[in-house]
Amino acid sequence: MPVPTGLILAIIVFVAVAFLILTALLQVGQAGSPTGQGCNLFCVVKDYIGRCPPGGC
């Protein structure tokens, strides 16, 4: 059973967008860290503003 080309393209676009969003979240988290050391990625995802608790996660 052939896989539709549209489905493949949709998956590629979804993965690319998700990667860009994660990268942006990580950068915002690093910029918003009070210690300047950056955030744990999971903390950044939980706190969409990108602020971190003192001392990291």
PDB file of N, CA and C in Angstrom:
ATOM      1  N   MET A   1       0.852  -1.198   0.000  1.00  0.00           N
ATOM      2  CA  MET A   1       0.000   0.000   0.000  1.00  0.00           C
ATOM      3  C   MET A   1       0.882   1.240   0.000  1.00  0.00           C
ATOM      4  N   PRO A   2       0.807   2.046  -1.041  1.00  0.00           N
ATOM      5  CA  PRO A   2       1.684   3.226  -1.125  1.00  0.00           C
ATOM      6  C   PRO A   2       1.313   4.294  -0.101  1.00  0.00           C
ATOM      7  N   VAL A   3       2.325   4.968   0.401  1.00  0.00           N
ATOM      8  CA  VAL A   3       2.095   6.046   1.369  1.00  0.00           C
ATOM      9  C   VAL A   3       1.858   7.339   0.600  1.00  0.00           C
ATOM     10  N   PRO A   4       0.794   8.081   0.923  1.00  0.00           N
ATOM     11  CA  PRO A   4       0.533   9.335   0.210  1.00  0.00           C
ATOM     12  C   PRO A   4       1.648  10.352   0.430  1.00  0.00           C
ATOM     13  N   THR A   5       2.011  11.056  -0.640  1.00  0.00           N
ATOM     14  CA  THR A   5       3.084  12.050  -0.542  1.00  0.00           C
ATOM     15  C   THR A   5       2.718  13.161   0.428  1.00  0.00           C
ATOM     16  N   GLY A   6       1.453  13.542   0.455  1.00  0.00           N
ATOM     17  CA  GLY A   6       1.010  14.607   1.357  1.00  0.00           C
ATOM     18  C   GLY A   6       1.272  14.262   2.812  1.00  0.00           C
ATOM     19  N   LEU A   7       1.097  12.997   3.160  1.00  0.00           N
ATOM     20  CA  LEU A   7       1.320  12.571   4.543  1.00  0.00           C
ATOM     21  C   LEU A   7       2.791  12.710   4.907  1.00  0.00           C
ATOM     22  N   ILE A   8       3.675  12.314   4.000  1.00  0.00           N
ATOM     23  CA  ILE A   8       5.115  12.427   4.244  1.00  0.00           C
ATOM     24  C   ILE A   8       5.500  13.895   4.423  1.00  0.00           C
ATOM     25  N   LEU A   9       4.998  14.749   3.547  1.00  0.00           N
ATOM     26  CA  LEU A   9       5.306  16.178   3.656  1.00  0.00           C
ATOM     27  C   LEU A   9       4.783  16.754   4.964  1.00  0.00           C
ATOM     28  N   ALA A  10       3.594  16.350   5.374  1.00  0.00           N
ATOM     29  CA  ALA A  10       3.018  16.853   6.620  1.00  0.00           C
ATOM     30  C   ALA A  10       3.882  16.453   7.814  1.00  0.00           C
ATOM     31  N   ILE A  11       4.381  15.224   7.809  1.00  0.00           N
ATOM     32  CA  ILE A  11       5.231  14.756   8.906  1.00  0.00           C
ATOM     33  C   ILE A  11       6.535  15.553   8.939  1.00  0.00           C
ATOM     34  N   ILE A  12       7.134  15.778   7.778  1.00  0.00           N
ATOM     35  CA  ILE A  12       8.392  16.528   7.717  1.00  0.00           C
ATOM     36  C   ILE A  12       8.190  17.948   8.240  1.00  0.00           C
ATOM     37  N   VAL A  13       7.110  18.595   7.802  1.00  0.00           N
ATOM     38  CA  VAL A  13       6.836  19.966   8.251  1.00  0.00           C
ATOM     39  C   VAL A  13       6.589  19.992   9.756  1.00  0.00           C
ATOM     40  N   PHE A  14       5.826  19.023  10.262  1.00  0.00           N
ATOM     41  CA  PHE A  14       5.527  18.977  11.694  1.00  0.00           C
ATOM     42  C   PHE A  14       6.800  18.831  12.517  1.00  0.00           C
ATOM     43  N   VAL A  15       7.689  17.945  12.103  1.00  0.00           N
ATOM     44  CA  VAL A  15       8.942  17.730  12.829  1.00  0.00           C
ATOM     45  C   VAL A  15       9.798  18.994  12.796  1.00  0.00           C
ATOM     46  N   ALA A  16       9.863  19.647  11.635  1.00  0.00           N
ATOM     47  CA  ALA A  16      10.672  20.863  11.515  1.00  0.00           C
ATOM     48  C   ALA A  16      10.135  21.970  12.416  1.00  0.00           C
ATOM     49  N   VAL A  17       8.818  22.149  12.424  1.00  0.00           N
ATOM     50  CA  VAL A  17       8.216  23.196  13.261  1.00  0.00           C
ATOM     51  C   VAL A  17       8.430  22.886  14.740  1.00  0.00           C
ATOM     52  N   ALA A  18       8.246  21.629  15.126  1.00  0.00           N
ATOM     53  CA  ALA A  18       8.448  21.243  16.521  1.00  0.00           C
ATOM     54  C   ALA A  18       9.893  21.502  16.946  1.00  0.00           C
ATOM     55  N   PHE A  19      10.842  21.210  16.069  1.00  0.00           N
ATOM     56  CA  PHE A  19      12.250  21.436  16.384  1.00  0.00           C
ATOM     57  C   PHE A  19      12.523  22.926  16.572  1.00  0.00           C
ATOM     58  N   LEU A  20      11.958  23.759  15.700  1.00  0.00           N
ATOM     59  CA  LEU A  20      12.159  25.208  15.812  1.00  0.00           C
ATOM     60  C   LEU A  20      11.560  25.744  17.108  1.00  0.00           C
ATOM     61  N   ILE A  21      10.387  25.245  17.481  1.00  0.00           N
ATOM     62  CA  ILE A  21       9.746  25.706  18.717  1.00  0.00           C
ATOM     63  C   ILE A  21      10.589  25.314  19.926  1.00  0.00           C
ATOM     64  N   LEU A  22      11.079  24.083  19.949  1.00  0.00           N
ATOM     65  CA  LEU A  22      11.912  23.642  21.070  1.00  0.00           C
ATOM     66  C   LEU A  22      13.187  24.464  21.153  1.00  0.00           C
ATOM     67  N   THR A  23      13.799  24.759  20.008  1.00  0.00           N
ATOM     68  CA  THR A  23      15.016  25.567  19.998  1.00  0.00           C
ATOM     69  C   THR A  23      14.735  26.960  20.541  1.00  0.00           C
ATOM     70  N   ALA A  24      13.620  27.559  20.113  1.00  0.00           N
ATOM     71  CA  ALA A  24      13.263  28.896  20.588  1.00  0.00           C
ATOM     72  C   ALA A  24      12.997  28.881  22.088  1.00  0.00           C
ATOM     73  N   LEU A  25      12.305  27.858  22.575  1.00  0.00           N
ATOM     74  CA  LEU A  25      12.034  27.760  24.009  1.00  0.00           C
ATOM     75  C   LEU A  25      13.334  27.653  24.793  1.00  0.00           C
ATOM     76  N   LEU A  26      14.269  26.874  24.294  1.00  0.00           N
ATOM     77  CA  LEU A  26      15.533  26.694  24.996  1.00  0.00           C
ATOM     78  C   LEU A  26      16.300  28.009  25.057  1.00  0.00           C
ATOM     79  N   GLN A  27      16.302  28.775  23.957  1.00  0.00           N
ATOM     80  CA  GLN A  27      17.008  30.053  23.930  1.00  0.00           C
ATOM     81  C   GLN A  27      16.359  31.053  24.876  1.00  0.00           C
ATOM     82  N   VAL A  28      15.027  31.098  24.898  1.00  0.00           N
ATOM     83  CA  VAL A  28      14.325  32.004  25.807  1.00  0.00           C
ATOM     84  C   VAL A  28      14.637  31.634  27.252  1.00  0.00           C
ATOM     85  N   GLY A  29      14.675  30.343  27.528  1.00  0.00           N
ATOM     86  CA  GLY A  29      14.968  29.884  28.878  1.00  0.00           C
ATOM     87  C   GLY A  29      16.359  30.300  29.321  1.00  0.00           C
ATOM     88  N   GLN A  30      17.336  30.207  28.429  1.00  0.00           N
ATOM     89  CA  GLN A  30      18.696  30.592  28.773  1.00  0.00           C
ATOM     90  C   GLN A  30      18.778  32.092  29.019  1.00  0.00           C
ATOM     91  N   ALA A  31      18.051  32.880  28.202  1.00  0.00           N
ATOM     92  CA  ALA A  31      18.087  34.328  28.357  1.00  0.00           C
ATOM     93  C   ALA A  31      17.383  34.753  29.642  1.00  0.00           C
ATOM     94  N   GLY A  32      16.360  33.988  30.060  1.00  0.00           N
ATOM     95  CA  GLY A  32      15.564  34.382  31.217  1.00  0.00           C
ATOM     96  C   GLY A  32      16.071  33.816  32.529  1.00  0.00           C
ATOM     97  N   SER A  33      17.195  33.111  32.505  1.00  0.00           N
ATOM     98  CA  SER A  33      17.693  32.481  33.720  1.00  0.00           C
ATOM     99  C   SER A  33      18.329  33.512  34.640  1.00  0.00           C
ATOM    100  N   PRO A  34      17.924  33.561  35.913  1.00  0.00           N
ATOM    101  CA  PRO A  34      18.507  34.533  36.844  1.00  0.00           C
ATOM    102  C   PRO A  34      20.001  34.311  37.049  1.00  0.00           C
ATOM    103  N   THR A  35      20.449  33.050  36.960  1.00  0.00           N
ATOM    104  CA  THR A  35      21.853  32.752  37.199  1.00  0.00           C
ATOM    105  C   THR A  35      22.676  32.909  35.934  1.00  0.00           C
ATOM    106  N   GLY A  36      22.007  33.034  34.774  1.00  0.00           N
ATOM    107  CA  GLY A  36      22.712  33.162  33.510  1.00  0.00           C
ATOM    108  C   GLY A  36      23.264  31.849  33.002  1.00  0.00           C
ATOM    109  N   GLN A  37      22.931  30.748  33.662  1.00  0.00           N
ATOM    110  CA  GLN A  37      23.463  29.449  33.261  1.00  0.00           C
ATOM    111  C   GLN A  37      22.519  28.705  32.332  1.00  0.00           C
ATOM    112  N   GLY A  38      21.352  29.284  32.067  1.00  0.00           N
ATOM    113  CA  GLY A  38      20.392  28.581  31.218  1.00  0.00           C
ATOM    114  C   GLY A  38      19.500  27.681  32.044  1.00  0.00           C
ATOM    115  N   CYS A  39      18.477  27.146  31.412  1.00  0.00           N
ATOM    116  CA  CYS A  39      17.481  26.342  32.108  1.00  0.00           C
ATOM    117  C   CYS A  39      17.528  24.906  31.629  1.00  0.00           C
ATOM    118  N   ASN A  40      17.017  24.047  32.461  1.00  0.00           N
ATOM    119  CA  ASN A  40      16.717  22.694  32.038  1.00  0.00           C
ATOM    120  C   ASN A  40      15.586  22.777  31.025  1.00  0.00           C
ATOM    121  N   LEU A  41      15.692  22.056  29.922  1.00  0.00           N
ATOM    122  CA  LEU A  41      14.688  22.132  28.858  1.00  0.00           C
ATOM    123  C   LEU A  41      13.296  21.810  29.385  1.00  0.00           C
ATOM    124  N   PHE A  42      13.198  20.852  30.305  1.00  0.00           N
ATOM    125  CA  PHE A  42      11.892  20.483  30.842  1.00  0.00           C
ATOM    126  C   PHE A  42      11.296  21.637  31.632  1.00  0.00           C
ATOM    127  N   CYS A  43      12.130  22.405  32.345  1.00  0.00           N
ATOM    128  CA  CYS A  43      11.628  23.571  33.074  1.00  0.00           C
ATOM    129  C   CYS A  43      11.110  24.609  32.098  1.00  0.00           C
ATOM    130  N   VAL A  44      11.814  24.792  30.994  1.00  0.00           N
ATOM    131  CA  VAL A  44      11.399  25.779  30.000  1.00  0.00           C
ATOM    132  C   VAL A  44      10.048  25.393  29.421  1.00  0.00           C
ATOM    133  N   VAL A  45       9.866  24.106  29.136  1.00  0.00           N
ATOM    134  CA  VAL A  45       8.604  23.654  28.558  1.00  0.00           C
ATOM    135  C   VAL A  45       7.471  23.832  29.563  1.00  0.00           C
ATOM    136  N   LYS A  46       7.740  23.544  30.841  1.00  0.00           N
ATOM    137  CA  LYS A  46       6.695  23.689  31.852  1.00  0.00           C
ATOM    138  C   LYS A  46       6.349  25.158  32.066  1.00  0.00           C
ATOM    139  N   ASP A  47       7.354  26.037  32.020  1.00  0.00           N
ATOM    140  CA  ASP A  47       7.122  27.468  32.229  1.00  0.00           C
ATOM    141  C   ASP A  47       7.288  28.163  30.888  1.00  0.00           C
ATOM    142  N   TYR A  48       6.175  28.443  30.210  1.00  0.00           N
ATOM    143  CA  TYR A  48       6.234  28.917  28.832  1.00  0.00           C
ATOM    144  C   TYR A  48       6.882  30.286  28.723  1.00  0.00           C
ATOM    145  N   ILE A  49       6.903  31.059  29.806  1.00  0.00           N
ATOM    146  CA  ILE A  49       7.540  32.373  29.756  1.00  0.00           C
ATOM    147  C   ILE A  49       9.056  32.200  29.690  1.00  0.00           C
ATOM    148  N   GLY A  50       9.553  31.093  30.196  1.00  0.00           N
ATOM    149  CA  GLY A  50      10.977  30.811  30.122  1.00  0.00           C
ATOM    150  C   GLY A  50      11.739  31.218  31.365  1.00  0.00           C
ATOM    151  N   ARG A  51      11.030  31.651  32.420  1.00  0.00           N
ATOM    152  CA  ARG A  51      11.728  31.998  33.657  1.00  0.00           C
ATOM    153  C   ARG A  51      12.100  30.727  34.405  1.00  0.00           C
ATOM    154  N   CYS A  52      13.219  30.767  35.116  1.00  0.00           N
ATOM    155  CA  CYS A  52      13.669  29.597  35.858  1.00  0.00           C
ATOM    156  C   CYS A  52      13.712  29.925  37.338  1.00  0.00           C
ATOM    157  N   PRO A  53      13.500  28.939  38.189  1.00  0.00           N
ATOM    158  CA  PRO A  53      13.712  29.151  39.620  1.00  0.00           C
ATOM    159  C   PRO A  53      15.189  29.387  39.892  1.00  0.00           C
ATOM    160  N   PRO A  54      15.539  30.097  40.970  1.00  0.00           N
ATOM    161  CA  PRO A  54      16.958  30.331  41.287  1.00  0.00           C
ATOM    162  C   PRO A  54      17.712  29.013  41.411  1.00  0.00           C
ATOM    163  N   GLY A  55      18.878  28.954  40.812  1.00  0.00           N
ATOM    164  CA  GLY A  55      19.686  27.750  40.876  1.00  0.00           C
ATOM    165  C   GLY A  55      19.279  26.699  39.862  1.00  0.00           C
ATOM    166  N   GLY A  56      18.435  27.063  38.917  1.00  0.00           N
ATOM    167  CA  GLY A  56      18.059  26.093  37.893  1.00  0.00           C
ATOM    168  C   GLY A  56      16.759  25.404  38.226  1.00  0.00           C
ATOM    169  N   CYS A  57      16.642  24.144  37.854  1.00  0.00           N
ATOM    170  CA  CYS A  57      15.373  23.434  37.965  1.00  0.00           C
ATOM    171  C   CYS A  57      15.121  23.024  39.409  1.00  0.00           C
TER     172      CYS A  57
END
